[in-house]
N, C-alpha and C. Protein backbone atom coordinates (compact mmCIF):
# COMPACT_ATOMS: atom_id res chain seq x y z
N UNK A 1 -37.61 -18.32 22.99
CA UNK A 1 -36.41 -19.12 22.83
C UNK A 1 -36.51 -19.94 21.54
N UNK A 2 -35.36 -20.31 21.03
CA UNK A 2 -35.32 -21.08 19.80
C UNK A 2 -35.67 -22.53 20.01
N UNK A 3 -35.89 -23.19 18.92
CA UNK A 3 -36.26 -24.60 18.97
C UNK A 3 -35.09 -25.45 19.46
N UNK A 4 -33.90 -25.10 19.02
CA UNK A 4 -32.71 -25.89 19.37
C UNK A 4 -31.90 -25.17 20.44
N UNK A 5 -31.69 -25.79 21.56
CA UNK A 5 -30.91 -25.19 22.63
C UNK A 5 -29.54 -25.87 22.69
N UNK A 6 -28.49 -25.08 22.76
CA UNK A 6 -27.14 -25.61 22.83
C UNK A 6 -26.64 -25.59 24.27
N UNK A 7 -25.92 -26.61 24.64
CA UNK A 7 -25.26 -26.58 25.95
C UNK A 7 -24.01 -25.72 25.81
N UNK A 8 -23.29 -25.52 26.90
CA UNK A 8 -22.13 -24.63 26.86
C UNK A 8 -21.06 -25.13 25.89
N UNK A 9 -20.89 -26.43 25.80
CA UNK A 9 -19.90 -27.00 24.89
C UNK A 9 -20.27 -26.67 23.43
N UNK A 10 -21.55 -26.79 23.12
CA UNK A 10 -22.03 -26.46 21.78
C UNK A 10 -21.90 -24.99 21.47
N UNK A 11 -22.19 -24.14 22.46
CA UNK A 11 -22.09 -22.71 22.26
C UNK A 11 -20.65 -22.30 21.98
N UNK A 12 -19.71 -22.90 22.70
CA UNK A 12 -18.29 -22.61 22.49
C UNK A 12 -17.88 -23.02 21.08
N UNK A 13 -18.36 -24.19 20.64
CA UNK A 13 -18.01 -24.68 19.30
C UNK A 13 -18.56 -23.73 18.24
N UNK A 14 -19.78 -23.27 18.40
CA UNK A 14 -20.38 -22.35 17.43
C UNK A 14 -19.63 -21.02 17.42
N UNK A 15 -19.29 -20.50 18.58
CA UNK A 15 -18.56 -19.24 18.66
C UNK A 15 -17.20 -19.36 17.98
N UNK A 16 -16.53 -20.47 18.20
CA UNK A 16 -15.22 -20.71 17.59
C UNK A 16 -15.34 -20.78 16.06
N UNK A 17 -16.39 -21.46 15.60
CA UNK A 17 -16.63 -21.58 14.16
C UNK A 17 -16.84 -20.21 13.53
N UNK A 18 -17.69 -19.40 14.15
CA UNK A 18 -17.98 -18.08 13.59
C UNK A 18 -16.77 -17.16 13.65
N UNK A 19 -15.98 -17.27 14.69
CA UNK A 19 -14.78 -16.45 14.81
C UNK A 19 -13.79 -16.78 13.69
N UNK A 20 -13.67 -18.06 13.38
CA UNK A 20 -12.73 -18.51 12.35
C UNK A 20 -13.19 -18.09 10.96
N UNK A 21 -14.49 -18.12 10.72
CA UNK A 21 -15.02 -17.85 9.39
C UNK A 21 -15.45 -16.41 9.17
N UNK A 22 -15.21 -15.56 10.19
CA UNK A 22 -15.57 -14.16 10.05
C UNK A 22 -14.56 -13.49 9.12
N UNK A 23 -15.03 -12.73 8.13
CA UNK A 23 -14.08 -12.05 7.25
C UNK A 23 -13.32 -10.99 8.01
N UNK A 24 -12.05 -10.82 7.66
CA UNK A 24 -11.24 -9.82 8.35
C UNK A 24 -11.79 -8.44 8.01
N UNK A 25 -11.72 -7.53 8.97
CA UNK A 25 -12.25 -6.19 8.75
C UNK A 25 -11.40 -5.48 7.71
N UNK A 26 -12.07 -4.72 6.87
CA UNK A 26 -11.38 -3.96 5.83
C UNK A 26 -10.89 -2.66 6.45
N UNK A 27 -9.59 -2.50 6.47
CA UNK A 27 -9.01 -1.31 7.07
C UNK A 27 -8.68 -0.31 5.97
N UNK A 28 -9.49 0.73 5.88
CA UNK A 28 -9.35 1.70 4.79
C UNK A 28 -8.04 2.48 4.88
N UNK A 29 -7.65 2.86 6.10
CA UNK A 29 -6.40 3.62 6.26
C UNK A 29 -5.20 2.80 5.81
N UNK A 30 -5.19 1.53 6.19
CA UNK A 30 -4.08 0.66 5.82
C UNK A 30 -4.04 0.48 4.30
N UNK A 31 -5.21 0.33 3.69
CA UNK A 31 -5.29 0.16 2.23
C UNK A 31 -4.77 1.41 1.52
N UNK A 32 -5.16 2.58 2.01
CA UNK A 32 -4.70 3.83 1.39
C UNK A 32 -3.19 3.98 1.52
N UNK A 33 -2.66 3.62 2.67
CA UNK A 33 -1.21 3.71 2.88
C UNK A 33 -0.47 2.79 1.91
N UNK A 34 -1.00 1.61 1.71
CA UNK A 34 -0.39 0.65 0.79
C UNK A 34 -0.40 1.19 -0.64
N UNK A 35 -1.53 1.76 -1.05
CA UNK A 35 -1.62 2.33 -2.39
C UNK A 35 -0.65 3.50 -2.55
N UNK A 36 -0.53 4.31 -1.51
CA UNK A 36 0.36 5.46 -1.54
C UNK A 36 1.81 5.03 -1.73
N UNK A 37 2.22 4.00 -1.01
CA UNK A 37 3.59 3.50 -1.11
C UNK A 37 3.85 2.97 -2.52
N UNK A 38 2.90 2.21 -3.05
CA UNK A 38 3.06 1.68 -4.42
C UNK A 38 3.17 2.81 -5.43
N UNK A 39 2.33 3.84 -5.27
CA UNK A 39 2.35 4.98 -6.18
C UNK A 39 3.69 5.70 -6.13
N UNK A 40 4.21 5.91 -4.92
CA UNK A 40 5.49 6.60 -4.78
C UNK A 40 6.62 5.81 -5.41
N UNK A 41 6.59 4.48 -5.25
CA UNK A 41 7.63 3.65 -5.88
C UNK A 41 7.56 3.76 -7.39
N UNK A 42 6.34 3.71 -7.91
CA UNK A 42 6.14 3.79 -9.36
C UNK A 42 6.61 5.15 -9.88
N UNK A 43 6.27 6.20 -9.17
CA UNK A 43 6.64 7.55 -9.56
C UNK A 43 8.16 7.73 -9.53
N UNK A 44 8.80 7.13 -8.52
CA UNK A 44 10.24 7.22 -8.39
C UNK A 44 10.94 6.51 -9.55
N UNK A 45 10.40 5.38 -9.97
CA UNK A 45 10.97 4.66 -11.10
C UNK A 45 10.86 5.46 -12.37
N UNK A 46 9.73 6.15 -12.57
CA UNK A 46 9.52 6.93 -13.77
C UNK A 46 10.49 8.12 -13.84
N UNK A 47 10.71 8.76 -12.73
CA UNK A 47 11.61 9.92 -12.72
C UNK A 47 13.07 9.49 -12.74
N UNK A 48 13.34 8.28 -12.30
CA UNK A 48 14.71 7.79 -12.26
C UNK A 48 15.24 7.32 -13.61
N UNK A 49 14.35 7.12 -14.58
CA UNK A 49 14.77 6.60 -15.89
C UNK A 49 15.47 7.65 -16.71
C-alpha cells in the first residue's frame, strides 16, 4: 500500500480531477471525415470558378 491513504471523499475528488484533466480521445475517423469535407469544398470552389 502507498504511504498516503485517501478516504472515500478524497478518492472521489481525485477521480473527478483526473476525469476533468484527461485529454479527449483522438478520433481518427472523425478527423478523416472532417478533412474529406474540407477537401471536397475546396475542390468544388476550384471547379466552380
